[in-house]
Amino acid sequence: MNGTWMDRCREPSTWRGVVMILTAFGVSFSPETVNDVVAVGTGLSGLIGVMTRDGGS
């Protein structure tokens, strides 16, 4: 069981999903803050995609 979680934590899609979930919680902030939260979440998701290796090759 522990090995499965560790394997999932090494996948870029897991980290993008975590960032997107955390970004979605930003909707409960004030309207002025929502745009900033979405921008940061999108940026982090892109950064994770650039910095992590694809599993295929």
PDB file of N, CA and C in Angstrom:
ATOM      1  N   MET A   1       0.825  -1.200   0.000  1.00  0.00           N
ATOM      2  CA  MET A   1       0.000   0.000   0.000  1.00  0.00           C
ATOM      3  C   MET A   1       0.867   1.262   0.000  1.00  0.00           C
ATOM      4  N   ASN A   2       1.891   1.283   0.838  1.00  0.00           N
ATOM      5  CA  ASN A   2       2.763   2.449   0.911  1.00  0.00           C
ATOM      6  C   ASN A   2       3.511   2.655  -0.399  1.00  0.00           C
ATOM      7  N   GLY A   3       3.914   1.571  -1.047  1.00  0.00           N
ATOM      8  CA  GLY A   3       4.599   1.667  -2.323  1.00  0.00           C
ATOM      9  C   GLY A   3       3.720   2.283  -3.397  1.00  0.00           C
ATOM     10  N   THR A   4       2.430   2.000  -3.358  1.00  0.00           N
ATOM     11  CA  THR A   4       1.503   2.553  -4.343  1.00  0.00           C
ATOM     12  C   THR A   4       1.425   4.064  -4.212  1.00  0.00           C
ATOM     13  N   TRP A   5       1.326   4.571  -3.006  1.00  0.00           N
ATOM     14  CA  TRP A   5       1.266   6.019  -2.791  1.00  0.00           C
ATOM     15  C   TRP A   5       2.561   6.684  -3.221  1.00  0.00           C
ATOM     16  N   MET A   6       3.673   6.051  -2.930  1.00  0.00           N
ATOM     17  CA  MET A   6       4.959   6.625  -3.321  1.00  0.00           C
ATOM     18  C   MET A   6       5.089   6.657  -4.842  1.00  0.00           C
ATOM     19  N   ASP A   7       4.607   5.615  -5.509  1.00  0.00           N
ATOM     20  CA  ASP A   7       4.640   5.597  -6.972  1.00  0.00           C
ATOM     21  C   ASP A   7       3.784   6.717  -7.539  1.00  0.00           C
ATOM     22  N   ARG A   8       2.602   6.912  -6.965  1.00  0.00           N
ATOM     23  CA  ARG A   8       1.708   7.971  -7.435  1.00  0.00           C
ATOM     24  C   ARG A   8       2.316   9.351  -7.205  1.00  0.00           C
ATOM     25  N   CYS A   9       3.048   9.527  -6.111  1.00  0.00           N
ATOM     26  CA  CYS A   9       3.653  10.825  -5.816  1.00  0.00           C
ATOM     27  C   CYS A   9       4.774  11.172  -6.785  1.00  0.00           C
ATOM     28  N   ARG A  10       5.271  10.189  -7.494  1.00  0.00           N
ATOM     29  CA  ARG A  10       6.331  10.442  -8.476  1.00  0.00           C
ATOM     30  C   ARG A  10       5.774  10.803  -9.844  1.00  0.00           C
ATOM     31  N   GLU A  11       4.466  10.705 -10.020  1.00  0.00           N
ATOM     32  CA  GLU A  11       3.849  10.989 -11.316  1.00  0.00           C
ATOM     33  C   GLU A  11       3.485  12.471 -11.426  1.00  0.00           C
ATOM     34  N   PRO A  12       3.852  13.112 -12.538  1.00  0.00           N
ATOM     35  CA  PRO A  12       3.526  14.526 -12.724  1.00  0.00           C
ATOM     36  C   PRO A  12       2.022  14.805 -12.662  1.00  0.00           C
ATOM     37  N   SER A  13       1.220  13.874 -13.147  1.00  0.00           N
ATOM     38  CA  SER A  13      -0.228  14.105 -13.140  1.00  0.00           C
ATOM     39  C   SER A  13      -0.779  14.212 -11.727  1.00  0.00           C
ATOM     40  N   THR A  14      -0.173  13.513 -10.784  1.00  0.00           N
ATOM     41  CA  THR A  14      -0.610  13.607  -9.391  1.00  0.00           C
ATOM     42  C   THR A  14      -0.376  15.017  -8.863  1.00  0.00           C
ATOM     43  N   TRP A  15       0.797  15.561  -9.133  1.00  0.00           N
ATOM     44  CA  TRP A  15       1.115  16.907  -8.647  1.00  0.00           C
ATOM     45  C   TRP A  15       0.270  17.965  -9.331  1.00  0.00           C
ATOM     46  N   ARG A  16       0.018  17.793 -10.639  1.00  0.00           N
ATOM     47  CA  ARG A  16      -0.864  18.742 -11.326  1.00  0.00           C
ATOM     48  C   ARG A  16      -2.265  18.677 -10.740  1.00  0.00           C
ATOM     49  N   GLY A  17      -2.721  17.473 -10.436  1.00  0.00           N
ATOM     50  CA  GLY A  17      -4.040  17.323  -9.823  1.00  0.00           C
ATOM     51  C   GLY A  17      -4.128  17.993  -8.464  1.00  0.00           C
ATOM     52  N   VAL A  18      -3.092  17.842  -7.655  1.00  0.00           N
ATOM     53  CA  VAL A  18      -3.068  18.481  -6.334  1.00  0.00           C
ATOM     54  C   VAL A  18      -3.129  19.996  -6.486  1.00  0.00           C
ATOM     55  N   VAL A  19      -2.338  20.539  -7.402  1.00  0.00           N
ATOM     56  CA  VAL A  19      -2.344  21.990  -7.613  1.00  0.00           C
ATOM     57  C   VAL A  19      -3.711  22.451  -8.092  1.00  0.00           C
ATOM     58  N   MET A  20      -4.332  21.702  -8.999  1.00  0.00           N
ATOM     59  CA  MET A  20      -5.647  22.092  -9.506  1.00  0.00           C
ATOM     60  C   MET A  20      -6.714  22.032  -8.415  1.00  0.00           C
ATOM     61  N   ILE A  21      -6.645  21.036  -7.557  1.00  0.00           N
ATOM     62  CA  ILE A  21      -7.604  20.949  -6.440  1.00  0.00           C
ATOM     63  C   ILE A  21      -7.414  22.132  -5.499  1.00  0.00           C
ATOM     64  N   LEU A  22      -6.167  22.435  -5.157  1.00  0.00           N
ATOM     65  CA  LEU A  22      -5.907  23.574  -4.276  1.00  0.00           C
ATOM     66  C   LEU A  22      -6.332  24.886  -4.930  1.00  0.00           C
ATOM     67  N   THR A  23      -6.137  24.994  -6.239  1.00  0.00           N
ATOM     68  CA  THR A  23      -6.575  26.185  -6.959  1.00  0.00           C
ATOM     69  C   THR A  23      -8.090  26.314  -6.930  1.00  0.00           C
ATOM     70  N   ALA A  24      -8.790  25.198  -7.045  1.00  0.00           N
ATOM     71  CA  ALA A  24     -10.254  25.226  -7.010  1.00  0.00           C
ATOM     72  C   ALA A  24     -10.767  25.753  -5.673  1.00  0.00           C
ATOM     73  N   PHE A  25     -10.058  25.479  -4.592  1.00  0.00           N
ATOM     74  CA  PHE A  25     -10.468  26.001  -3.294  1.00  0.00           C
ATOM     75  C   PHE A  25     -10.318  27.515  -3.222  1.00  0.00           C
ATOM     76  N   GLY A  26      -9.544  28.080  -4.120  1.00  0.00           N
ATOM     77  CA  GLY A  26      -9.380  29.524  -4.158  1.00  0.00           C
ATOM     78  C   GLY A  26     -10.652  30.256  -4.528  1.00  0.00           C
ATOM     79  N   VAL A  27     -11.627  29.550  -5.099  1.00  0.00           N
ATOM     80  CA  VAL A  27     -12.881  30.175  -5.496  1.00  0.00           C
ATOM     81  C   VAL A  27     -13.624  30.725  -4.288  1.00  0.00           C
ATOM     82  N   SER A  28     -13.362  30.195  -3.099  1.00  0.00           N
ATOM     83  CA  SER A  28     -14.061  30.668  -1.901  1.00  0.00           C
ATOM     84  C   SER A  28     -13.468  31.970  -1.352  1.00  0.00           C
ATOM     85  N   PHE A  29     -12.368  32.442  -1.948  1.00  0.00           N
ATOM     86  CA  PHE A  29     -11.777  33.706  -1.517  1.00  0.00           C
ATOM     87  C   PHE A  29     -12.544  34.885  -2.101  1.00  0.00           C
ATOM     88  N   SER A  30     -12.142  36.065  -1.733  1.00  0.00           N
ATOM     89  CA  SER A  30     -12.776  37.268  -2.253  1.00  0.00           C
ATOM     90  C   SER A  30     -12.565  37.368  -3.763  1.00  0.00           C
ATOM     91  N   PRO A  31     -13.475  38.050  -4.464  1.00  0.00           N
ATOM     92  CA  PRO A  31     -13.360  38.147  -5.925  1.00  0.00           C
ATOM     93  C   PRO A  31     -12.026  38.732  -6.398  1.00  0.00           C
ATOM     94  N   GLU A  32     -11.450  39.628  -5.616  1.00  0.00           N
ATOM     95  CA  GLU A  32     -10.177  40.220  -6.006  1.00  0.00           C
ATOM     96  C   GLU A  32      -9.042  39.195  -5.959  1.00  0.00           C
ATOM     97  N   THR A  33      -9.155  38.240  -5.069  1.00  0.00           N
ATOM     98  CA  THR A  33      -8.104  37.255  -4.864  1.00  0.00           C
ATOM     99  C   THR A  33      -8.210  36.086  -5.837  1.00  0.00           C
ATOM    100  N   VAL A  34      -9.389  35.823  -6.367  1.00  0.00           N
ATOM    101  CA  VAL A  34      -9.613  34.652  -7.220  1.00  0.00           C
ATOM    102  C   VAL A  34      -8.670  34.655  -8.423  1.00  0.00           C
ATOM    103  N   ASN A  35      -8.548  35.782  -9.113  1.00  0.00           N
ATOM    104  CA  ASN A  35      -7.678  35.834 -10.288  1.00  0.00           C
ATOM    105  C   ASN A  35      -6.230  35.521  -9.929  1.00  0.00           C
ATOM    106  N   ASP A  36      -5.777  36.010  -8.792  1.00  0.00           N
ATOM    107  CA  ASP A  36      -4.404  35.736  -8.366  1.00  0.00           C
ATOM    108  C   ASP A  36      -4.209  34.256  -8.053  1.00  0.00           C
ATOM    109  N   VAL A  37      -5.174  33.656  -7.376  1.00  0.00           N
ATOM    110  CA  VAL A  37      -5.084  32.240  -7.019  1.00  0.00           C
ATOM    111  C   VAL A  37      -5.067  31.382  -8.281  1.00  0.00           C
ATOM    112  N   VAL A  38      -5.926  31.692  -9.232  1.00  0.00           N
ATOM    113  CA  VAL A  38      -5.972  30.926 -10.480  1.00  0.00           C
ATOM    114  C   VAL A  38      -4.665  31.089 -11.257  1.00  0.00           C
ATOM    115  N   ALA A  39      -4.132  32.296 -11.301  1.00  0.00           N
ATOM    116  CA  ALA A  39      -2.874  32.532 -12.010  1.00  0.00           C
ATOM    117  C   ALA A  39      -1.728  31.749 -11.374  1.00  0.00           C
ATOM    118  N   VAL A  40      -1.650  31.766 -10.060  1.00  0.00           N
ATOM    119  CA  VAL A  40      -0.583  31.032  -9.367  1.00  0.00           C
ATOM    120  C   VAL A  40      -0.757  29.527  -9.563  1.00  0.00           C
ATOM    121  N   GLY A  41      -1.979  29.041  -9.440  1.00  0.00           N
ATOM    122  CA  GLY A  41      -2.236  27.606  -9.623  1.00  0.00           C
ATOM    123  C   GLY A  41      -1.905  27.144 -11.033  1.00  0.00           C
ATOM    124  N   THR A  42      -2.270  27.936 -12.021  1.00  0.00           N
ATOM    125  CA  THR A  42      -1.962  27.594 -13.406  1.00  0.00           C
ATOM    126  C   THR A  42      -0.453  27.617 -13.640  1.00  0.00           C
ATOM    127  N   GLY A  43       0.202  28.605 -13.087  1.00  0.00           N
ATOM    128  CA  GLY A  43       1.651  28.684 -13.209  1.00  0.00           C
ATOM    129  C   GLY A  43       2.359  27.508 -12.560  1.00  0.00           C
ATOM    130  N   LEU A  44       1.912  27.128 -11.370  1.00  0.00           N
ATOM    131  CA  LEU A  44       2.507  25.973 -10.694  1.00  0.00           C
ATOM    132  C   LEU A  44       2.287  24.694 -11.479  1.00  0.00           C
ATOM    133  N   SER A  45       1.097  24.539 -12.035  1.00  0.00           N
ATOM    134  CA  SER A  45       0.804  23.356 -12.838  1.00  0.00           C
ATOM    135  C   SER A  45       1.728  23.287 -14.049  1.00  0.00           C
ATOM    136  N   GLY A  46       1.934  24.411 -14.713  1.00  0.00           N
ATOM    137  CA  GLY A  46       2.851  24.451 -15.846  1.00  0.00           C
ATOM    138  C   GLY A  46       4.283  24.172 -15.430  1.00  0.00           C
ATOM    139  N   LEU A  47       4.703  24.729 -14.312  1.00  0.00           N
ATOM    140  CA  LEU A  47       6.059  24.509 -13.809  1.00  0.00           C
ATOM    141  C   LEU A  47       6.290  23.033 -13.494  1.00  0.00           C
ATOM    142  N   ILE A  48       5.311  22.402 -12.879  1.00  0.00           N
ATOM    143  CA  ILE A  48       5.414  20.971 -12.582  1.00  0.00           C
ATOM    144  C   ILE A  48       5.551  20.184 -13.888  1.00  0.00           C
ATOM    145  N   GLY A  49       4.779  20.563 -14.897  1.00  0.00           N
ATOM    146  CA  GLY A  49       4.872  19.879 -16.176  1.00  0.00           C
ATOM    147  C   GLY A  49       6.234  20.025 -16.822  1.00  0.00           C
ATOM    148  N   VAL A  50       6.850  21.178 -16.668  1.00  0.00           N
ATOM    149  CA  VAL A  50       8.167  21.416 -17.267  1.00  0.00           C
ATOM    150  C   VAL A  50       9.263  20.701 -16.482  1.00  0.00           C
ATOM    151  N   MET A  51       9.166  20.675 -15.178  1.00  0.00           N
ATOM    152  CA  MET A  51      10.243  20.184 -14.340  1.00  0.00           C
ATOM    153  C   MET A  51      10.224  18.669 -14.102  1.00  0.00           C
ATOM    154  N   THR A  52       9.140  17.994 -14.440  1.00  0.00           N
ATOM    155  CA  THR A  52       9.062  16.557 -14.170  1.00  0.00           C
ATOM    156  C   THR A  52       9.186  15.762 -15.461  1.00  0.00           C
ATOM    157  N   ARG A  53       9.656  14.566 -15.329  1.00  0.00           N
ATOM    158  CA  ARG A  53       9.887  13.688 -16.462  1.00  0.00           C
ATOM    159  C   ARG A  53       8.614  12.910 -16.796  1.00  0.00           C
ATOM    160  N   ASP A  54       8.370  12.733 -18.088  1.00  0.00           N
ATOM    161  CA  ASP A  54       7.261  11.887 -18.532  1.00  0.00           C
ATOM    162  C   ASP A  54       7.637  10.426 -18.296  1.00  0.00           C
ATOM    163  N   GLY A  55       6.646   9.619 -17.992  1.00  0.00           N
ATOM    164  CA  GLY A  55       6.902   8.219 -17.694  1.00  0.00           C
ATOM    165  C   GLY A  55       7.193   7.346 -18.906  1.00  0.00           C
ATOM    166  N   GLY A  56       6.858   7.794 -20.111  1.00  0.00           N
ATOM    167  CA  GLY A  56       6.954   6.948 -21.291  1.00  0.00           C
ATOM    168  C   GLY A  56       8.356   6.566 -21.701  1.00  0.00           C
ATOM    169  N   SER A  57       9.279   7.513 -21.775  1.00  0.00           N
ATOM    170  CA  SER A  57      10.595   7.154 -22.298  1.00  0.00           C
ATOM    171  C   SER A  57      11.732   7.766 -21.531  1.00  0.00           C
TER     172      SER A  57
END
